[in-house]
Protein backbone atom coordinates (compact mmCIF):
# COMPACT_ATOMS: atom_id res chain seq x y z
CA MET A 1 8.87 -36.25 17.94
CA SER A 2 7.68 -33.43 20.16
CA ASN A 3 4.18 -32.22 20.87
CA ALA A 4 5.30 -28.77 19.82
CA GLU A 5 5.79 -30.08 16.29
CA TYR A 6 2.75 -32.32 15.99
CA ILE A 7 -0.05 -31.30 18.28
CA ALA A 8 -2.39 -33.98 17.03
CA GLU A 9 -0.33 -36.49 19.01
CA ASP A 10 -1.51 -35.15 22.37
CA ARG A 11 -4.95 -34.03 21.22
CA ALA A 12 -6.37 -37.43 20.32
CA PRO A 13 -9.68 -37.70 22.23
CA GLY A 14 -9.99 -40.15 25.06
CA GLY A 15 -6.35 -41.17 24.88
CA ALA A 16 -6.98 -42.96 21.56
CA ARG A 17 -4.12 -43.62 19.21
CA PRO A 18 -3.54 -40.49 17.11
CA PRO A 19 -4.12 -40.69 13.35
CA SER A 20 -1.22 -41.26 10.98
CA ARG A 21 0.13 -38.27 9.16
CA LEU A 22 -0.59 -39.92 5.81
CA ARG A 23 -4.23 -40.32 6.73
CA GLN A 24 -4.47 -36.68 7.78
CA LEU A 25 -2.74 -35.63 4.57
CA ALA A 26 -5.12 -37.70 2.46
CA ALA A 27 -8.23 -36.36 4.21
CA ALA A 28 -7.21 -32.74 3.67
CA SER A 29 -5.87 -33.21 0.15
CA ILE A 30 -8.67 -35.29 -1.36
CA GLY A 31 -11.38 -33.08 0.03
CA ASN A 32 -9.53 -29.99 -1.12
CA ALA A 33 -9.16 -31.41 -4.63
CA VAL A 34 -12.89 -32.05 -4.86
CA GLU A 35 -13.62 -28.55 -3.61
CA TRP A 36 -11.38 -26.91 -6.17
CA TYR A 37 -12.68 -29.01 -9.05
CA ASP A 38 -16.03 -27.29 -8.58
CA TRP A 39 -14.44 -23.86 -8.41
CA TYR A 40 -12.25 -24.18 -11.51
CA ALA A 41 -14.81 -25.89 -13.71
CA TYR A 42 -16.48 -22.49 -13.97
CA SER A 43 -13.42 -20.80 -15.44
CA PHE A 44 -12.63 -23.57 -17.92
CA LEU A 45 -16.20 -23.75 -19.21
CA ALA A 46 -16.99 -20.02 -19.21
CA VAL A 47 -16.44 -19.71 -22.95
CA TYR A 48 -19.20 -22.30 -23.54
CA PHE A 49 -22.01 -21.11 -21.27
CA ALA A 50 -21.48 -17.32 -21.38
CA ASP A 51 -23.91 -16.95 -24.30
CA GLN A 52 -26.49 -19.08 -22.52
CA VAL A 53 -26.69 -17.04 -19.32
CA PHE A 54 -25.92 -13.45 -20.42
CA PRO A 55 -27.30 -11.36 -23.30
CA HIS A 56 -25.05 -9.92 -26.00
CA GLY A 57 -24.17 -6.24 -25.98
CA ALA A 58 -24.90 -4.29 -29.12
CA GLY A 59 -22.25 -5.31 -31.66
CA ASN A 60 -19.77 -6.65 -29.09
CA SER A 61 -19.22 -10.42 -28.87
CA LEU A 62 -17.03 -10.08 -25.74
CA VAL A 63 -19.89 -8.84 -23.52
CA PRO A 64 -21.14 -12.29 -22.41
CA LEU A 65 -17.59 -13.47 -21.67
CA LEU A 66 -16.84 -10.29 -19.72
CA SER A 67 -20.06 -10.74 -17.75
CA THR A 68 -19.19 -14.36 -16.96
CA PHE A 69 -15.73 -13.41 -15.70
CA ALA A 70 -17.29 -10.58 -13.68
CA VAL A 71 -19.38 -13.21 -11.87
CA PHE A 72 -16.16 -15.22 -11.40
CA ALA A 73 -14.71 -12.15 -9.65
CA VAL A 74 -17.89 -11.69 -7.57
CA GLY A 75 -17.38 -15.19 -6.19
CA PHE A 76 -13.91 -14.17 -5.11
CA PHE A 77 -15.26 -11.25 -3.11
CA MET A 78 -17.18 -13.69 -0.92
CA ARG A 79 -13.91 -15.43 -0.11
CA PRO A 80 -12.85 -12.90 2.58
CA VAL A 81 -16.20 -13.42 4.29
CA GLY A 82 -15.70 -17.16 4.11
CA GLY A 83 -12.12 -16.85 5.31
CA LEU A 84 -13.23 -14.81 8.31
CA LEU A 85 -16.33 -16.81 9.27
CA MET A 86 -15.00 -20.30 8.54
CA GLY A 87 -11.58 -19.40 9.92
CA ALA A 88 -13.18 -18.26 13.17
CA LEU A 89 -15.22 -21.47 13.23
CA ALA A 90 -12.03 -23.50 12.74
CA ASP A 91 -10.34 -21.65 15.63
CA ARG A 92 -13.33 -21.95 17.92
CA ARG A 93 -14.80 -25.36 17.05
CA GLY A 94 -11.96 -27.14 15.29
CA ARG A 95 -10.54 -27.53 11.79
CA ARG A 96 -12.56 -30.65 10.99
CA THR A 97 -15.91 -28.94 11.62
CA ALA A 98 -15.01 -26.11 9.25
CA LEU A 99 -13.74 -28.50 6.57
CA THR A 100 -17.01 -30.44 6.66
CA LEU A 101 -19.11 -27.32 6.21
CA THR A 102 -17.01 -25.89 3.37
CA ILE A 103 -17.35 -28.97 1.18
CA LEU A 104 -21.11 -29.10 1.74
CA LEU A 105 -21.42 -25.50 0.60
CA MET A 106 -19.28 -26.12 -2.46
CA GLY A 107 -21.35 -29.11 -3.54
CA GLY A 108 -24.55 -27.11 -3.21
CA GLY A 109 -23.12 -24.24 -5.23
CA SER A 110 -21.98 -26.58 -8.00
CA LEU A 111 -25.43 -28.15 -8.24
CA LEU A 112 -26.98 -24.69 -8.49
CA VAL A 113 -24.66 -23.76 -11.39
CA ALA A 114 -25.62 -26.98 -13.19
CA LEU A 115 -29.32 -26.11 -12.86
CA THR A 116 -28.99 -22.44 -13.88
CA PRO A 117 -31.61 -21.66 -16.56
CA THR A 118 -30.79 -19.84 -19.79
CA TYR A 119 -31.31 -16.12 -20.31
CA ALA A 120 -33.63 -16.90 -23.23
CA ALA A 121 -35.90 -18.94 -20.94
CA THR A 122 -36.00 -16.84 -17.77
CA GLY A 123 -34.40 -13.49 -18.57
CA VAL A 124 -32.56 -11.77 -15.72
CA LEU A 125 -33.29 -14.67 -13.34
CA ALA A 126 -30.55 -16.71 -15.07
CA PRO A 127 -27.61 -14.45 -14.15
CA VAL A 128 -29.11 -13.90 -10.69
CA ILE A 129 -29.06 -17.66 -10.00
CA LEU A 130 -25.51 -17.91 -11.33
CA VAL A 131 -24.37 -15.07 -9.07
CA LEU A 132 -26.01 -16.73 -6.05
CA ALA A 133 -24.24 -20.01 -6.81
CA ARG A 134 -20.87 -18.26 -7.09
CA LEU A 135 -21.45 -16.43 -3.80
CA VAL A 136 -22.01 -19.74 -2.04
CA GLN A 137 -18.92 -21.24 -3.66
CA GLY A 138 -16.86 -18.17 -2.80
CA LEU A 139 -17.85 -18.46 0.84
CA SER A 140 -16.83 -22.10 0.77
CA VAL A 141 -13.46 -21.60 -0.93
CA GLY A 142 -12.47 -18.78 1.42
CA GLY A 143 -13.12 -20.99 4.40
CA GLU A 144 -11.45 -24.00 2.78
CA PHE A 145 -8.06 -22.35 2.51
CA ALA A 146 -8.16 -21.09 6.09
CA ALA A 147 -9.13 -24.46 7.56
CA SER A 148 -7.11 -26.78 5.32
CA THR A 149 -3.94 -24.68 5.55
CA THR A 150 -3.90 -24.83 9.33
CA PHE A 151 -4.94 -28.50 9.32
CA LEU A 152 -2.12 -29.52 6.96
CA VAL A 153 0.65 -27.58 8.66
CA GLU A 154 -0.44 -28.64 12.16
CA SER A 155 -0.45 -32.27 11.01
CA ALA A 156 3.17 -32.16 9.82
CA GLY A 157 6.11 -33.73 11.59
CA PRO A 158 9.41 -32.02 12.49
CA GLY A 159 11.13 -30.54 9.47
CA ARG A 160 8.24 -31.42 7.16
CA ARG A 161 5.98 -28.38 7.27
CA GLY A 162 7.07 -27.28 3.82
CA LEU A 163 6.39 -30.71 2.36
CA PHE A 164 2.95 -30.96 3.95
CA ALA A 165 2.14 -27.38 3.00
CA SER A 166 2.93 -28.16 -0.65
CA PHE A 167 -0.05 -30.52 -0.74
CA GLN A 168 -2.33 -27.50 -0.43
CA TYR A 169 -1.51 -26.75 -4.06
CA VAL A 170 -0.98 -30.39 -5.04
CA SER A 171 -4.62 -31.02 -4.15
CA THR A 172 -5.76 -27.68 -5.54
CA THR A 173 -4.00 -28.48 -8.80
CA ALA A 174 -5.43 -32.01 -8.80
CA GLY A 175 -8.90 -30.49 -8.61
CA GLN A 176 -8.05 -28.01 -11.33
CA LEU A 177 -6.53 -30.81 -13.42
CA LEU A 178 -9.67 -32.87 -13.02
CA ALA A 179 -11.78 -29.87 -14.05
CA SER A 180 -9.57 -29.18 -17.05
CA GLY A 181 -9.51 -32.84 -18.05
CA THR A 182 -13.29 -33.13 -17.72
CA ALA A 183 -13.79 -30.01 -19.84
CA ALA A 184 -11.30 -31.26 -22.46
CA LEU A 185 -13.00 -34.67 -22.58
CA LEU A 186 -16.43 -33.13 -23.00
CA ALA A 187 -15.11 -30.78 -25.69
CA THR A 188 -13.66 -33.78 -27.54
CA LEU A 189 -16.76 -35.96 -27.31
CA LEU A 190 -19.34 -33.24 -27.99
CA THR A 191 -19.76 -30.64 -30.70
CA GLU A 192 -19.33 -26.99 -29.78
CA ARG A 193 -23.08 -26.53 -30.09
CA GLN A 194 -23.76 -29.41 -27.69
CA MET A 195 -21.20 -28.02 -25.25
CA GLY A 196 -22.95 -24.65 -25.30
CA GLN A 197 -26.43 -26.11 -24.96
CA TRP A 198 -26.00 -28.75 -22.24
CA GLY A 199 -22.49 -30.25 -22.13
CA TRP A 200 -21.16 -27.73 -19.63
CA ARG A 201 -23.90 -28.70 -17.15
CA VAL A 202 -22.58 -32.27 -16.98
CA ALA A 203 -19.29 -31.06 -15.49
CA PHE A 204 -21.06 -29.22 -12.66
CA LEU A 205 -23.36 -32.15 -11.88
CA PHE A 206 -20.26 -34.32 -11.66
CA GLY A 207 -18.76 -31.78 -9.25
CA ALA A 208 -21.77 -31.99 -6.96
CA LEU A 209 -21.37 -35.77 -6.80
CA LEU A 210 -17.64 -35.45 -6.10
CA SER A 211 -18.42 -33.18 -3.15
CA LEU A 212 -20.33 -36.03 -1.51
CA LEU A 213 -17.26 -38.23 -1.98
CA GLY A 214 -15.05 -35.57 -0.36
CA LEU A 215 -17.46 -35.30 2.56
CA TRP A 216 -17.29 -39.04 3.15
CA ILE A 217 -13.47 -39.06 3.07
CA ARG A 218 -13.20 -36.16 5.51
CA ARG A 219 -15.26 -38.03 8.06
CA GLY A 220 -12.13 -40.10 8.74
CA ALA A 221 -9.98 -37.11 9.69
CA GLN A 222 -9.14 -36.30 13.30
CA GLU A 223 -8.95 -32.84 14.81
CA THR A 224 -5.53 -31.20 15.18
CA ILE A 225 -6.53 -28.89 18.03
CA ALA A 226 -8.69 -29.34 21.11
CA GLU A 227 -11.99 -27.45 21.13
CA GLN A 228 -11.61 -24.31 23.19
CA ARG A 229 -13.92 -23.63 26.10
CA ALA A 230 -16.53 -20.94 25.49
CA ALA A 231 -14.77 -18.41 27.71
CA GLU A 232 -11.47 -18.91 25.87
CA ARG A 233 -12.69 -18.84 22.28
CA PRO A 234 -11.22 -16.00 20.20
CA GLY A 235 -13.48 -13.25 18.93
CA LEU A 236 -14.35 -12.88 15.26
CA PHE A 237 -11.92 -9.99 14.68
CA GLU A 238 -9.32 -10.87 17.30
CA ALA A 239 -6.63 -11.73 14.74
CA LEU A 240 -7.04 -8.38 12.97
CA ARG A 241 -7.22 -6.43 16.22
CA ARG A 242 -4.25 -8.02 17.98
CA HIS A 243 -2.06 -8.85 14.99
CA PRO A 244 -2.45 -6.04 12.41
CA ARG A 245 1.15 -6.29 11.17
CA GLN A 246 0.82 -10.01 10.51
CA SER A 247 -2.44 -9.41 8.66
CA LEU A 248 -0.75 -6.89 6.37
CA LEU A 249 2.13 -9.30 5.82
CA ILE A 250 -0.30 -11.96 4.58
CA CYS A 251 -1.62 -9.44 2.04
CA GLY A 252 1.88 -8.59 0.79
CA ILE A 253 2.96 -12.23 0.69
CA THR A 254 -0.10 -13.15 -1.36
CA ALA A 255 -0.58 -10.26 -3.83
CA GLY A 256 1.95 -11.16 -6.52
CA GLY A 257 1.53 -14.89 -6.00
CA THR A 258 -2.22 -14.94 -6.46
CA LEU A 259 -2.14 -12.78 -9.59
CA ALA A 260 0.58 -14.93 -11.18
CA TYR A 261 -1.19 -18.11 -10.11
CA TYR A 262 -4.58 -17.26 -11.57
CA THR A 263 -3.02 -15.81 -14.69
CA TRP A 264 -0.99 -18.93 -15.44
CA THR A 265 -3.32 -21.67 -14.24
CA THR A 266 -6.76 -20.23 -14.99
CA TYR A 267 -6.72 -17.30 -17.40
CA LEU A 268 -3.87 -18.21 -19.77
CA PRO A 269 -5.96 -20.52 -22.01
CA THR A 270 -8.56 -17.77 -22.45
CA TYR A 271 -5.77 -15.18 -22.90
CA ALA A 272 -4.38 -17.28 -25.76
CA GLN A 273 -7.83 -17.65 -27.33
CA VAL A 274 -8.68 -13.95 -27.16
CA ASN A 275 -5.27 -12.46 -27.99
CA ALA A 276 -3.68 -15.05 -30.30
CA GLY A 277 -6.66 -16.88 -31.80
CA PHE A 278 -5.69 -20.14 -30.09
CA ASP A 279 -8.07 -23.09 -30.58
CA LYS A 280 -10.46 -23.63 -27.62
CA GLY A 281 -10.03 -27.39 -27.45
CA ASP A 282 -6.24 -27.22 -27.79
CA SER A 283 -5.99 -24.60 -25.04
CA LEU A 284 -7.75 -26.96 -22.62
CA THR A 285 -5.34 -29.76 -23.58
CA VAL A 286 -2.33 -27.51 -22.97
CA GLY A 287 -3.80 -26.50 -19.61
CA THR A 288 -4.21 -30.13 -18.62
CA LEU A 289 -0.61 -31.07 -19.53
CA SER A 290 0.93 -28.06 -17.79
CA LEU A 291 -1.15 -28.58 -14.64
CA ALA A 292 0.06 -32.18 -14.36
CA PHE A 293 3.64 -30.88 -14.59
CA PHE A 294 2.85 -28.23 -11.97
CA ALA A 295 1.44 -30.79 -9.49
CA LEU A 296 4.64 -32.85 -9.70
CA LEU A 297 6.75 -29.79 -8.86
CA GLN A 298 4.97 -28.91 -5.60
CA PRO A 299 6.38 -31.55 -3.20
CA LEU A 300 9.87 -30.88 -4.59
CA GLY A 301 9.46 -27.19 -3.78
CA GLY A 302 8.16 -27.98 -0.30
CA LEU A 303 11.05 -30.34 0.46
CA LEU A 304 13.56 -27.81 -0.85
CA SER A 305 12.14 -25.12 1.44
CA ASP A 306 12.52 -27.44 4.44
CA ARG A 307 16.21 -27.77 3.55
CA ILE A 308 17.26 -24.28 2.48
CA GLY A 309 14.46 -22.10 3.88
CA ARG A 310 11.35 -20.35 2.60
CA LYS A 311 12.87 -17.03 1.49
CA PRO A 312 15.11 -18.27 -1.36
CA LEU A 313 12.08 -19.80 -3.08
CA LEU A 314 9.99 -16.67 -2.57
CA PHE A 315 12.78 -14.54 -4.03
CA GLY A 316 13.08 -16.80 -7.07
CA PHE A 317 9.36 -16.66 -7.73
CA SER A 318 8.86 -12.92 -7.35
CA LEU A 319 11.99 -11.77 -9.20
CA GLY A 320 11.41 -14.36 -11.91
CA PHE A 321 7.96 -13.04 -12.71
CA ALA A 322 8.98 -9.41 -12.34
CA VAL A 323 11.58 -9.93 -15.07
CA LEU A 324 9.99 -12.61 -17.27
CA ALA A 325 6.19 -12.09 -17.14
CA VAL A 326 6.18 -9.62 -20.05
CA PRO A 327 8.43 -11.59 -22.44
CA LEU A 328 6.71 -14.88 -21.61
CA LEU A 329 3.20 -13.58 -22.32
CA HIS A 330 4.41 -11.96 -25.53
CA LEU A 331 5.64 -15.37 -26.70
CA VAL A 332 2.08 -16.77 -26.73
CA THR A 333 0.99 -17.47 -30.32
CA ASP A 334 -1.58 -19.75 -31.95
CA ALA A 335 0.98 -22.60 -31.99
CA PHE A 336 0.40 -25.50 -29.60
CA LEU A 337 4.05 -25.75 -28.50
CA SER A 338 4.25 -22.00 -27.86
CA LEU A 339 1.48 -22.00 -25.25
CA LEU A 340 2.73 -25.24 -23.66
CA LEU A 341 6.27 -23.92 -23.17
CA VAL A 342 5.09 -20.56 -21.84
CA GLN A 343 2.70 -22.18 -19.39
CA CYS A 344 5.27 -24.72 -18.13
CA ALA A 345 7.96 -22.05 -17.73
CA GLY A 346 5.59 -20.01 -15.59
CA MET A 347 4.74 -23.09 -13.54
CA VAL A 348 8.40 -23.57 -12.59
CA LEU A 349 8.66 -19.99 -11.33
CA LEU A 350 5.27 -20.15 -9.64
CA THR A 351 6.30 -23.19 -7.56
CA GLY A 352 8.55 -20.93 -5.49
CA TYR A 353 5.37 -19.39 -4.09
CA THR A 354 2.69 -22.07 -4.26
CA ALA A 355 4.70 -24.93 -2.72
CA ILE A 356 5.27 -23.02 0.52
CA ALA A 357 2.48 -20.43 0.74
CA ALA A 358 0.52 -22.49 3.29
CA ALA A 359 3.58 -22.98 5.51
CA VAL A 360 4.64 -19.33 5.32
CA ASN A 361 1.14 -18.12 6.17
CA ALA A 362 0.69 -20.57 9.04
CA GLU A 363 4.06 -19.62 10.53
CA VAL A 364 3.02 -15.96 10.73
CA PHE A 365 0.16 -16.38 13.25
CA PRO A 366 -0.15 -18.05 16.68
CA ALA A 367 -2.33 -21.16 16.89
CA ARG A 368 -5.17 -19.44 18.79
CA VAL A 369 -6.17 -17.29 15.79
CA ARG A 370 -4.28 -19.04 13.00
CA ALA A 371 -7.20 -20.02 10.75
CA ALA A 372 -9.06 -16.70 10.93
CA GLY A 373 -5.78 -14.77 10.87
CA ILE A 374 -4.81 -16.41 7.59
CA GLY A 375 -8.28 -16.68 6.10
CA PHE A 376 -9.45 -13.09 5.96
CA PRO A 377 -6.38 -11.17 4.66
CA TYR A 378 -5.42 -13.99 2.31
CA SER A 379 -8.89 -14.26 0.78
CA LEU A 380 -9.27 -10.49 0.54
CA THR A 381 -6.00 -10.23 -1.39
CA VAL A 382 -6.96 -13.13 -3.67
CA ALA A 383 -10.30 -11.41 -4.35
CA LEU A 384 -8.63 -8.11 -5.24
CA PHE A 385 -5.87 -9.48 -7.46
CA GLY A 386 -6.42 -13.15 -8.26
CA GLY A 387 -10.16 -13.24 -8.85
CA THR A 388 -10.06 -10.18 -11.07
CA ALA A 389 -7.18 -11.42 -13.28
CA PRO A 390 -9.41 -12.90 -16.04
CA TYR A 391 -11.63 -9.83 -16.05
CA VAL A 392 -8.76 -7.34 -16.07
CA GLY A 393 -6.98 -9.22 -18.86
CA THR A 394 -10.13 -9.39 -20.99
CA TRP A 395 -10.91 -5.74 -20.25
CA PHE A 396 -7.45 -4.64 -21.42
CA ARG A 397 -8.08 -6.59 -24.64
CA GLN A 398 -11.47 -4.96 -25.16
CA ALA A 399 -9.99 -1.51 -24.49
CA GLY A 400 -7.37 -2.09 -27.17
CA HIS A 401 -4.39 -2.40 -24.78
CA PRO A 402 -3.66 -6.14 -24.40
CA ASP A 403 0.04 -5.40 -23.77
CA PHE A 404 -0.78 -3.69 -20.46
CA PHE A 405 -1.75 -6.92 -18.70
CA PRO A 406 1.73 -8.55 -18.67
CA TRP A 407 3.20 -5.37 -17.14
CA TYR A 408 0.50 -5.47 -14.47
CA VAL A 409 1.57 -9.00 -13.49
CA ALA A 410 5.25 -8.04 -13.39
CA ALA A 411 4.65 -4.94 -11.25
CA LEU A 412 2.65 -6.75 -8.59
CA CYS A 413 5.23 -9.53 -8.31
CA LEU A 414 7.87 -6.86 -7.72
CA VAL A 415 5.78 -5.46 -4.87
CA SER A 416 5.64 -8.90 -3.25
CA PHE A 417 9.42 -9.24 -3.60
CA LEU A 418 9.85 -6.11 -1.49
CA VAL A 419 7.59 -7.66 1.16
CA TYR A 420 9.59 -10.91 1.14
CA LEU A 421 12.71 -8.92 1.98
CA THR A 422 11.17 -8.02 5.34
CA LEU A 423 10.15 -11.56 6.32
CA PRO A 424 12.09 -13.57 8.93
CA GLU A 425 13.15 -17.08 7.95
CA THR A 426 10.73 -19.48 9.67
CA ALA A 427 11.58 -22.87 8.17
CA ARG A 428 13.44 -24.11 11.25
CA GLN A 429 11.41 -22.35 13.91
CA THR A 430 9.06 -24.35 16.14
CA LEU A 431 5.42 -23.93 15.13
CA ASP A 432 3.46 -22.12 17.84
CA THR A 433 0.86 -24.39 19.39
């Protein structure tokens, strides 16, 4: 095994024995899962606490839900800031330092959501507190992807970057699965009135406690790069200034993938409720089952990309959604099996992107500015297209044009396909260190 493939081997401080790859993988993955539990709990529980935090519009029952999803999108617009600041911190001070800070911020944001007062009790202060909490969480999530992506890929052995990269979404999905399962369990044990009054707060308090667990686990991780001397540390905007083409590539790589991802893994249960009258509790159960299936697919996709390359999987994902997004979303009815099949079919296609996104992004930038170089353009694109997916879909429904949303998904995936055509194949190239 060469140092070029696994830089942690020759970066262990004081000549100490370097950490095992499994330990590095566990530290990144478990902490990432905890982080994303907090983030996704908001989306799954939005239908329960929207009426508590936002006032109704005159004669329109969708106003609180739209307002809640708007705050969801606001959190996404802090992600580019987090990607830039935390990415720069990861490049200058090390990946482990950035990963510690991101999980602390996420835990604090989750606690703040749990303690958000109702609109009836405090008026406009309630949505203000909720917005503040989502801003903190958005900052954390933007930095998390930048730091954990570089940490995972730099920890991989020869010919295993795709496999290690797949655990970015294995752990993300585990967190989402835990959030979905927690919401489904609460919805089963409590009445809808209890869920709306206080049940949703339990999930966010649980998330704050999980963040402490993630912090403890990450203390055992070792750095994958040596801290740079002050005179050698990259500037905040060095990646954008010196690598503008690579920054634009990250945007193109991500655009279709993030929209499809947040549509299928986050918004689809609400889409089924609003457009097909699907039962709230059943939609959470379907989400939980399909997410478990999705998590199992990720390592298989990563291994396949290490064998045949990244581009075939990217082509399969983007063309698949460009052709099938519209018919699949039109197949959603109020039947349990209908939503389950549609969601699982989308998960298969989506794996072509999610399993290798971390590897593809990391292989675009040199090590010196890798975290910040990935973090800012990736998070900006996610904010523009992924974070707004629930709001755009609900807005189309309110405007009387629900059929427009599936075409929007298909069109953006086609744009990403055109970008993938321009990418070099990087699966067998040596990772820059």
